[in-house]
Amino acid sequence: SLQLESAWLNSYDVGHSQEPHNHSTQDVNFSGCIYLNY
């Protein structure tokens, strides 16, 4: 069984990036990413 907890868009302009991080919380055990424009 799958419960979608959250979903969001990230858009990157020149100079943008993402620091090392994880998504682990009490309510979340798996995460994912789909490359929409890449």
All heavy atoms as atom14 arrays in JSON, in Angstrom:
{
  "sequence": "SLQLESAWLNSYDVGHSQEPHNHSTQDVNFSGCIYLNY",
  "atom14_mask": [
    [1, 1, 1, 1, 1, 1, 0, 0, 0, 0, 0, 0, 0, 0],
    [1, 1, 1, 1, 1, 1, 1, 1, 0, 0, 0, 0, 0, 0],
    [1, 1, 1, 1, 1, 1, 1, 1, 1, 0, 0, 0, 0, 0],
    [1, 1, 1, 1, 1, 1, 1, 1, 0, 0, 0, 0, 0, 0],
    [1, 1, 1, 1, 1, 1, 1, 1, 1, 0, 0, 0, 0, 0],
    [1, 1, 1, 1, 1, 1, 0, 0, 0, 0, 0, 0, 0, 0],
    [1, 1, 1, 1, 1, 0, 0, 0, 0, 0, 0, 0, 0, 0],
    [1, 1, 1, 1, 1, 1, 1, 1, 1, 1, 1, 1, 1, 1],
    [1, 1, 1, 1, 1, 1, 1, 1, 0, 0, 0, 0, 0, 0],
    [1, 1, 1, 1, 1, 1, 1, 1, 0, 0, 0, 0, 0, 0],
    [1, 1, 1, 1, 1, 1, 0, 0, 0, 0, 0, 0, 0, 0],
    [1, 1, 1, 1, 1, 1, 1, 1, 1, 1, 1, 1, 0, 0],
    [1, 1, 1, 1, 1, 1, 1, 1, 0, 0, 0, 0, 0, 0],
    [1, 1, 1, 1, 1, 1, 1, 0, 0, 0, 0, 0, 0, 0],
    [1, 1, 1, 1, 0, 0, 0, 0, 0, 0, 0, 0, 0, 0],
    [1, 1, 1, 1, 1, 1, 1, 1, 1, 1, 0, 0, 0, 0],
    [1, 1, 1, 1, 1, 1, 0, 0, 0, 0, 0, 0, 0, 0],
    [1, 1, 1, 1, 1, 1, 1, 1, 1, 0, 0, 0, 0, 0],
    [1, 1, 1, 1, 1, 1, 1, 1, 1, 0, 0, 0, 0, 0],
    [1, 1, 1, 1, 1, 1, 1, 0, 0, 0, 0, 0, 0, 0],
    [1, 1, 1, 1, 1, 1, 1, 1, 1, 1, 0, 0, 0, 0],
    [1, 1, 1, 1, 1, 1, 1, 1, 0, 0, 0, 0, 0, 0],
    [1, 1, 1, 1, 1, 1, 1, 1, 1, 1, 0, 0, 0, 0],
    [1, 1, 1, 1, 1, 1, 0, 0, 0, 0, 0, 0, 0, 0],
    [1, 1, 1, 1, 1, 1, 1, 0, 0, 0, 0, 0, 0, 0],
    [1, 1, 1, 1, 1, 1, 1, 1, 1, 0, 0, 0, 0, 0],
    [1, 1, 1, 1, 1, 1, 1, 1, 0, 0, 0, 0, 0, 0],
    [1, 1, 1, 1, 1, 1, 1, 0, 0, 0, 0, 0, 0, 0],
    [1, 1, 1, 1, 1, 1, 1, 1, 0, 0, 0, 0, 0, 0],
    [1, 1, 1, 1, 1, 1, 1, 1, 1, 1, 1, 0, 0, 0],
    [1, 1, 1, 1, 1, 1, 0, 0, 0, 0, 0, 0, 0, 0],
    [1, 1, 1, 1, 0, 0, 0, 0, 0, 0, 0, 0, 0, 0],
    [1, 1, 1, 1, 1, 1, 0, 0, 0, 0, 0, 0, 0, 0],
    [1, 1, 1, 1, 1, 1, 1, 1, 0, 0, 0, 0, 0, 0],
    [1, 1, 1, 1, 1, 1, 1, 1, 1, 1, 1, 1, 0, 0],
    [1, 1, 1, 1, 1, 1, 1, 1, 0, 0, 0, 0, 0, 0],
    [1, 1, 1, 1, 1, 1, 1, 1, 0, 0, 0, 0, 0, 0],
    [1, 1, 1, 1, 1, 1, 1, 1, 1, 1, 1, 1, 0, 0]
  ],
  "atom14_positions": [
    [[0.85, -1.19, 0.0], [0.0, 0.0, 0.0], [0.89, 1.24, 0.0], [1.93, 1.28, 0.66], [-0.93, 0.02, 1.22], [-0.18, 0.11, 2.41], [0.0, 0.0, 0.0], [0.0, 0.0, 0.0], [0.0, 0.0, 0.0], [0.0, 0.0, 0.0], [0.0, 0.0, 0.0], [0.0, 0.0, 0.0], [0.0, 0.0, 0.0], [0.0, 0.0, 0.0]],
    [[0.47, 2.23, -0.75], [1.26, 3.46, -0.92], [0.42, 4.66, -0.54], [-0.71, 4.8, -1.0], [1.75, 3.57, -2.36], [2.59, 4.79, -2.77], [3.53, 4.42, -3.92], [1.7, 5.96, -3.21], [0.0, 0.0, 0.0], [0.0, 0.0, 0.0], [0.0, 0.0, 0.0], [0.0, 0.0, 0.0], [0.0, 0.0, 0.0], [0.0, 0.0, 0.0]],
    [[0.97, 5.51, 0.3], [0.34, 6.78, 0.65], [1.25, 7.91, 0.21], [2.38, 8.02, 0.7], [0.09, 6.87, 2.16], [-0.44, 8.21, 2.63], [-1.83, 8.51, 2.11], [-2.71, 7.65, 2.14], [-2.04, 9.73, 1.64], [0.0, 0.0, 0.0], [0.0, 0.0, 0.0], [0.0, 0.0, 0.0], [0.0, 0.0, 0.0], [0.0, 0.0, 0.0]],
    [[0.79, 8.71, -0.75], [1.56, 9.86, -1.19], [1.49, 10.94, -0.11], [0.42, 11.46, 0.19], [1.01, 10.39, -2.51], [1.74, 11.58, -3.13], [3.16, 11.19, -3.55], [0.97, 12.12, -4.33], [0.0, 0.0, 0.0], [0.0, 0.0, 0.0], [0.0, 0.0, 0.0], [0.0, 0.0, 0.0], [0.0, 0.0, 0.0], [0.0, 0.0, 0.0]],
    [[2.64, 11.26, 0.49], [2.67, 12.22, 1.59], [2.88, 13.66, 1.1], [2.33, 14.6, 1.67], [3.78, 11.85, 2.58], [3.63, 10.47, 3.2], [2.45, 10.37, 4.16], [1.91, 11.44, 4.55], [2.06, 9.24, 4.52], [0.0, 0.0, 0.0], [0.0, 0.0, 0.0], [0.0, 0.0, 0.0], [0.0, 0.0, 0.0], [0.0, 0.0, 0.0]],
    [[3.68, 13.83, 0.06], [3.94, 15.17, -0.46], [4.54, 15.06, -1.85], [5.15, 14.04, -2.2], [4.89, 15.96, 0.47], [6.09, 15.25, 0.66], [0.0, 0.0, 0.0], [0.0, 0.0, 0.0], [0.0, 0.0, 0.0], [0.0, 0.0, 0.0], [0.0, 0.0, 0.0], [0.0, 0.0, 0.0], [0.0, 0.0, 0.0], [0.0, 0.0, 0.0]],
    [[4.37, 16.11, -2.64], [4.94, 16.17, -3.98], [5.17, 17.63, -4.33], [4.35, 18.49, -4.0], [4.01, 15.51, -5.0], [0.0, 0.0, 0.0], [0.0, 0.0, 0.0], [0.0, 0.0, 0.0], [0.0, 0.0, 0.0], [0.0, 0.0, 0.0], [0.0, 0.0, 0.0], [0.0, 0.0, 0.0], [0.0, 0.0, 0.0], [0.0, 0.0, 0.0]],
    [[6.28, 17.93, -5.01], [6.6, 19.32, -5.29], [7.51, 19.43, -6.52], [8.25, 18.53, -6.86], [7.27, 19.98, -4.09], [8.59, 19.41, -3.68], [9.84, 19.88, -4.02], [8.84, 18.24, -2.87], [10.83, 19.09, -3.47], [10.24, 18.08, -2.76], [8.0, 17.33, -2.23], [10.81, 17.05, -2.02], [8.57, 16.29, -1.51], [9.95, 16.16, -1.41]],
    [[7.4, 20.57, -7.17], [8.26, 20.89, -8.3], [9.51, 21.61, -7.82], [9.43, 22.45, -6.91], [7.53, 21.8, -9.29], [6.4, 21.2, -10.12], [5.68, 22.31, -10.89], [6.93, 20.15, -11.08], [0.0, 0.0, 0.0], [0.0, 0.0, 0.0], [0.0, 0.0, 0.0], [0.0, 0.0, 0.0], [0.0, 0.0, 0.0], [0.0, 0.0, 0.0]],
    [[10.64, 21.31, -8.45], [11.86, 22.08, -8.28], [12.31, 22.55, -9.66], [12.42, 21.73, -10.58], [12.98, 21.25, -7.65], [12.79, 21.03, -6.16], [12.09, 21.79, -5.5], [13.41, 20.0, -5.63], [0.0, 0.0, 0.0], [0.0, 0.0, 0.0], [0.0, 0.0, 0.0], [0.0, 0.0, 0.0], [0.0, 0.0, 0.0], [0.0, 0.0, 0.0]],
    [[12.56, 23.83, -9.79], [13.04, 24.4, -11.05], [14.37, 25.09, -10.79], [14.49, 25.87, -9.83], [12.01, 25.4, -11.59], [12.49, 26.03, -12.75], [0.0, 0.0, 0.0], [0.0, 0.0, 0.0], [0.0, 0.0, 0.0], [0.0, 0.0, 0.0], [0.0, 0.0, 0.0], [0.0, 0.0, 0.0], [0.0, 0.0, 0.0], [0.0, 0.0, 0.0]],
    [[15.35, 24.82, -11.63], [16.72, 25.3, -11.4], [17.12, 26.3, -12.48], [17.19, 25.96, -13.67], [17.7, 24.13, -11.4], [17.48, 23.16, -10.26], [16.49, 22.18, -10.34], [18.25, 23.21, -9.1], [16.27, 21.29, -9.29], [18.04, 22.32, -8.05], [17.05, 21.37, -8.16], [16.83, 20.49, -7.12], [0.0, 0.0, 0.0], [0.0, 0.0, 0.0]],
    [[17.42, 27.53, -12.05], [18.01, 28.53, -12.92], [19.53, 28.47, -12.79], [20.06, 27.72, -11.95], [17.51, 29.93, -12.54], [16.01, 30.09, -12.76], [15.47, 29.41, -13.67], [15.38, 30.87, -12.02], [0.0, 0.0, 0.0], [0.0, 0.0, 0.0], [0.0, 0.0, 0.0], [0.0, 0.0, 0.0], [0.0, 0.0, 0.0], [0.0, 0.0, 0.0]],
    [[20.22, 29.27, -13.58], [21.68, 29.3, -13.5], [22.12, 29.67, -12.08], [21.62, 30.63, -11.49], [22.26, 30.31, -14.51], [23.77, 30.47, -14.34], [21.94, 29.87, -15.94], [0.0, 0.0, 0.0], [0.0, 0.0, 0.0], [0.0, 0.0, 0.0], [0.0, 0.0, 0.0], [0.0, 0.0, 0.0], [0.0, 0.0, 0.0], [0.0, 0.0, 0.0]],
    [[23.03, 28.89, -11.53], [23.53, 29.12, -10.18], [22.78, 28.37, -9.09], [23.24, 28.32, -7.95], [0.0, 0.0, 0.0], [0.0, 0.0, 0.0], [0.0, 0.0, 0.0], [0.0, 0.0, 0.0], [0.0, 0.0, 0.0], [0.0, 0.0, 0.0], [0.0, 0.0, 0.0], [0.0, 0.0, 0.0], [0.0, 0.0, 0.0], [0.0, 0.0, 0.0]],
    [[21.64, 27.78, -9.43], [20.87, 27.03, -8.44], [21.48, 25.65, -8.21], [22.12, 25.08, -9.09], [19.42, 26.87, -8.9], [18.64, 28.14, -8.84], [17.28, 28.2, -9.13], [19.0, 29.42, -8.51], [16.85, 29.44, -8.98], [17.86, 30.19, -8.63], [0.0, 0.0, 0.0], [0.0, 0.0, 0.0], [0.0, 0.0, 0.0], [0.0, 0.0, 0.0]],
    [[21.22, 25.1, -7.03], [21.71, 23.75, -6.69], [20.92, 23.25, -5.5], [19.99, 23.91, -5.02], [23.2, 23.79, -6.36], [23.45, 24.59, -5.21], [0.0, 0.0, 0.0], [0.0, 0.0, 0.0], [0.0, 0.0, 0.0], [0.0, 0.0, 0.0], [0.0, 0.0, 0.0], [0.0, 0.0, 0.0], [0.0, 0.0, 0.0], [0.0, 0.0, 0.0]],
    [[21.28, 22.07, -5.02], [20.62, 21.49, -3.84], [21.69, 20.88, -2.96], [22.5, 20.07, -3.41], [19.64, 20.41, -4.27], [18.73, 19.94, -3.16], [17.48, 20.79, -3.04], [16.6, 20.71, -3.87], [17.38, 21.6, -2.0], [0.0, 0.0, 0.0], [0.0, 0.0, 0.0], [0.0, 0.0, 0.0], [0.0, 0.0, 0.0], [0.0, 0.0, 0.0]],
    [[21.71, 21.29, -1.71], [22.7, 20.78, -0.77], [22.43, 19.31, -0.43], [21.3, 18.83, -0.59], [22.7, 21.61, 0.51], [21.47, 21.42, 1.39], [20.32, 22.34, 1.01], [20.38, 22.98, -0.05], [19.35, 22.4, 1.8], [0.0, 0.0, 0.0], [0.0, 0.0, 0.0], [0.0, 0.0, 0.0], [0.0, 0.0, 0.0], [0.0, 0.0, 0.0]],
    [[23.43, 18.57, 0.05], [23.19, 17.2, 0.5], [22.13, 17.16, 1.6], [22.17, 17.95, 2.55], [24.56, 16.76, 1.04], [25.54, 17.59, 0.27], [24.86, 18.93, 0.11], [0.0, 0.0, 0.0], [0.0, 0.0, 0.0], [0.0, 0.0, 0.0], [0.0, 0.0, 0.0], [0.0, 0.0, 0.0], [0.0, 0.0, 0.0], [0.0, 0.0, 0.0]],
    [[21.16, 16.26, 1.44], [20.05, 16.18, 2.39], [19.36, 14.83, 2.21], [19.66, 14.08, 1.28], [19.05, 17.31, 2.13], [18.35, 17.2, 0.81], [18.98, 17.47, -0.39], [17.08, 16.84, 0.47], [18.15, 17.28, -1.39], [16.98, 16.89, -0.9], [0.0, 0.0, 0.0], [0.0, 0.0, 0.0], [0.0, 0.0, 0.0], [0.0, 0.0, 0.0]],
    [[18.44, 14.53, 3.1], [17.58, 13.36, 2.93], [16.15, 13.75, 3.29], [15.9, 14.86, 3.76], [18.07, 12.15, 3.74], [18.01, 12.38, 5.23], [16.94, 12.61, 5.8], [19.16, 12.33, 5.89], [0.0, 0.0, 0.0], [0.0, 0.0, 0.0], [0.0, 0.0, 0.0], [0.0, 0.0, 0.0], [0.0, 0.0, 0.0], [0.0, 0.0, 0.0]],
    [[15.21, 12.87, 3.06], [13.79, 13.17, 3.26], [13.18, 12.36, 4.4], [11.97, 12.28, 4.53], [12.99, 12.88, 1.99], [13.37, 13.71, 0.81], [12.73, 13.6, -0.41], [14.32, 14.66, 0.65], [13.29, 14.44, -1.27], [14.25, 15.09, -0.65], [0.0, 0.0, 0.0], [0.0, 0.0, 0.0], [0.0, 0.0, 0.0], [0.0, 0.0, 0.0]],
    [[14.0, 11.72, 5.18], [13.5, 10.79, 6.19], [12.76, 11.51, 7.31], [13.26, 12.47, 7.91], [14.68, 10.0, 6.78], [14.22, 9.03, 7.69], [0.0, 0.0, 0.0], [0.0, 0.0, 0.0], [0.0, 0.0, 0.0], [0.0, 0.0, 0.0], [0.0, 0.0, 0.0], [0.0, 0.0, 0.0], [0.0, 0.0, 0.0], [0.0, 0.0, 0.0]],
    [[11.52, 11.08, 7.54], [10.74, 11.55, 8.68], [9.98, 10.36, 9.26], [10.03, 9.25, 8.71], [9.71, 12.63, 8.27], [8.68, 12.02, 7.48], [10.38, 13.76, 7.48], [0.0, 0.0, 0.0], [0.0, 0.0, 0.0], [0.0, 0.0, 0.0], [0.0, 0.0, 0.0], [0.0, 0.0, 0.0], [0.0, 0.0, 0.0], [0.0, 0.0, 0.0]],
    [[9.24, 10.59, 10.31], [8.47, 9.52, 10.94], [7.42, 8.96, 9.99], [7.07, 7.78, 10.06], [7.81, 10.04, 12.21], [7.07, 8.98, 13.01], [6.52, 9.53, 14.31], [6.7, 10.7, 14.63], [5.84, 8.68, 15.08], [0.0, 0.0, 0.0], [0.0, 0.0, 0.0], [0.0, 0.0, 0.0], [0.0, 0.0, 0.0], [0.0, 0.0, 0.0]],
    [[6.91, 9.8, 9.07], [5.81, 9.39, 8.19], [6.25, 8.97, 6.8], [5.43, 8.54, 5.99], [4.8, 10.53, 8.05], [4.2, 10.93, 9.39], [3.92, 10.02, 10.2], [4.03, 12.13, 9.62], [0.0, 0.0, 0.0], [0.0, 0.0, 0.0], [0.0, 0.0, 0.0], [0.0, 0.0, 0.0], [0.0, 0.0, 0.0], [0.0, 0.0, 0.0]],
    [[7.54, 9.11, 6.5], [8.03, 8.87, 5.14], [9.13, 7.83, 5.16], [10.04, 7.88, 5.99], [8.58, 10.19, 4.54], [9.33, 9.93, 3.24], [7.46, 11.19, 4.31], [0.0, 0.0, 0.0], [0.0, 0.0, 0.0], [0.0, 0.0, 0.0], [0.0, 0.0, 0.0], [0.0, 0.0, 0.0], [0.0, 0.0, 0.0], [0.0, 0.0, 0.0]],
    [[9.05, 6.84, 4.24], [10.14, 5.86, 4.18], [10.75, 5.69, 2.78], [11.82, 5.12, 2.64], [9.74, 4.51, 4.75], [8.42, 3.99, 4.2], [7.94, 4.44, 3.16], [7.82, 3.04, 4.91], [0.0, 0.0, 0.0], [0.0, 0.0, 0.0], [0.0, 0.0, 0.0], [0.0, 0.0, 0.0], [0.0, 0.0, 0.0], [0.0, 0.0, 0.0]],
    [[10.07, 6.19, 1.75], [10.65, 6.16, 0.4], [10.38, 7.49, -0.29], [9.38, 8.16, -0.02], [10.06, 5.01, -0.43], [10.61, 3.66, -0.07], [9.98, 2.88, 0.88], [11.78, 3.19, -0.66], [10.49, 1.65, 1.23], [12.29, 1.96, -0.32], [11.65, 1.17, 0.63], [0.0, 0.0, 0.0], [0.0, 0.0, 0.0], [0.0, 0.0, 0.0]],
    [[11.29, 7.85, -1.18], [11.18, 9.1, -1.92], [11.46, 8.83, -3.4], [11.95, 7.76, -3.77], [12.17, 10.14, -1.38], [11.91, 10.41, -0.02], [0.0, 0.0, 0.0], [0.0, 0.0, 0.0], [0.0, 0.0, 0.0], [0.0, 0.0, 0.0], [0.0, 0.0, 0.0], [0.0, 0.0, 0.0], [0.0, 0.0, 0.0], [0.0, 0.0, 0.0]],
    [[11.14, 9.82, -4.21], [11.36, 9.64, -5.64], [11.49, 10.96, -6.36], [11.21, 12.03, -5.8], [0.0, 0.0, 0.0], [0.0, 0.0, 0.0], [0.0, 0.0, 0.0], [0.0, 0.0, 0.0], [0.0, 0.0, 0.0], [0.0, 0.0, 0.0], [0.0, 0.0, 0.0], [0.0, 0.0, 0.0], [0.0, 0.0, 0.0], [0.0, 0.0, 0.0]],
    [[11.91, 10.87, -7.62], [12.08, 12.05, -8.45], [11.82, 11.66, -9.9], [12.27, 10.61, -10.36], [13.49, 12.61, -8.29], [13.78, 14.16, -9.18], [0.0, 0.0, 0.0], [0.0, 0.0, 0.0], [0.0, 0.0, 0.0], [0.0, 0.0, 0.0], [0.0, 0.0, 0.0], [0.0, 0.0, 0.0], [0.0, 0.0, 0.0], [0.0, 0.0, 0.0]],
    [[11.07, 12.51, -10.6], [10.84, 12.33, -12.04], [11.41, 13.55, -12.76], [11.17, 14.69, -12.36], [9.34, 12.2, -12.35], [8.77, 10.93, -11.68], [9.09, 12.13, -13.86], [7.27, 10.77, -11.83], [0.0, 0.0, 0.0], [0.0, 0.0, 0.0], [0.0, 0.0, 0.0], [0.0, 0.0, 0.0], [0.0, 0.0, 0.0], [0.0, 0.0, 0.0]],
    [[12.17, 13.29, -13.82], [12.86, 14.36, -14.55], [11.97, 14.83, -15.69], [11.88, 14.2, -16.74], [14.22, 13.85, -15.02], [15.13, 13.64, -13.84], [15.02, 12.5, -13.05], [16.03, 14.63, -13.46], [15.79, 12.34, -11.92], [16.82, 14.47, -12.33], [16.7, 13.33, -11.56], [17.46, 13.18, -10.44], [0.0, 0.0, 0.0], [0.0, 0.0, 0.0]],
    [[11.28, 15.95, -15.46], [10.26, 16.45, -16.38], [10.87, 17.21, -17.55], [10.43, 17.08, -18.68], [9.29, 17.36, -15.63], [8.54, 16.72, -14.47], [7.78, 17.78, -13.69], [7.58, 15.64, -14.96], [0.0, 0.0, 0.0], [0.0, 0.0, 0.0], [0.0, 0.0, 0.0], [0.0, 0.0, 0.0], [0.0, 0.0, 0.0], [0.0, 0.0, 0.0]],
    [[11.86, 18.03, -17.25], [12.57, 18.78, -18.29], [14.06, 18.69, -17.96], [14.52, 19.3, -17.0], [12.11, 20.24, -18.32], [12.72, 21.0, -19.48], [12.6, 20.59, -20.64], [13.37, 22.12, -19.2], [0.0, 0.0, 0.0], [0.0, 0.0, 0.0], [0.0, 0.0, 0.0], [0.0, 0.0, 0.0], [0.0, 0.0, 0.0], [0.0, 0.0, 0.0]],
    [[14.78, 17.89, -18.75], [16.16, 17.6, -18.38], [17.0, 17.33, -19.61], [16.67, 16.45, -20.43], [16.2, 16.38, -17.44], [17.58, 16.1, -16.89], [18.07, 16.83, -15.81], [18.4, 15.13, -17.45], [19.33, 16.59, -15.3], [19.66, 14.88, -16.94], [20.12, 15.62, -15.87], [21.37, 15.39, -15.37], [0.0, 0.0, 0.0], [0.0, 0.0, 0.0]]
  ]
}
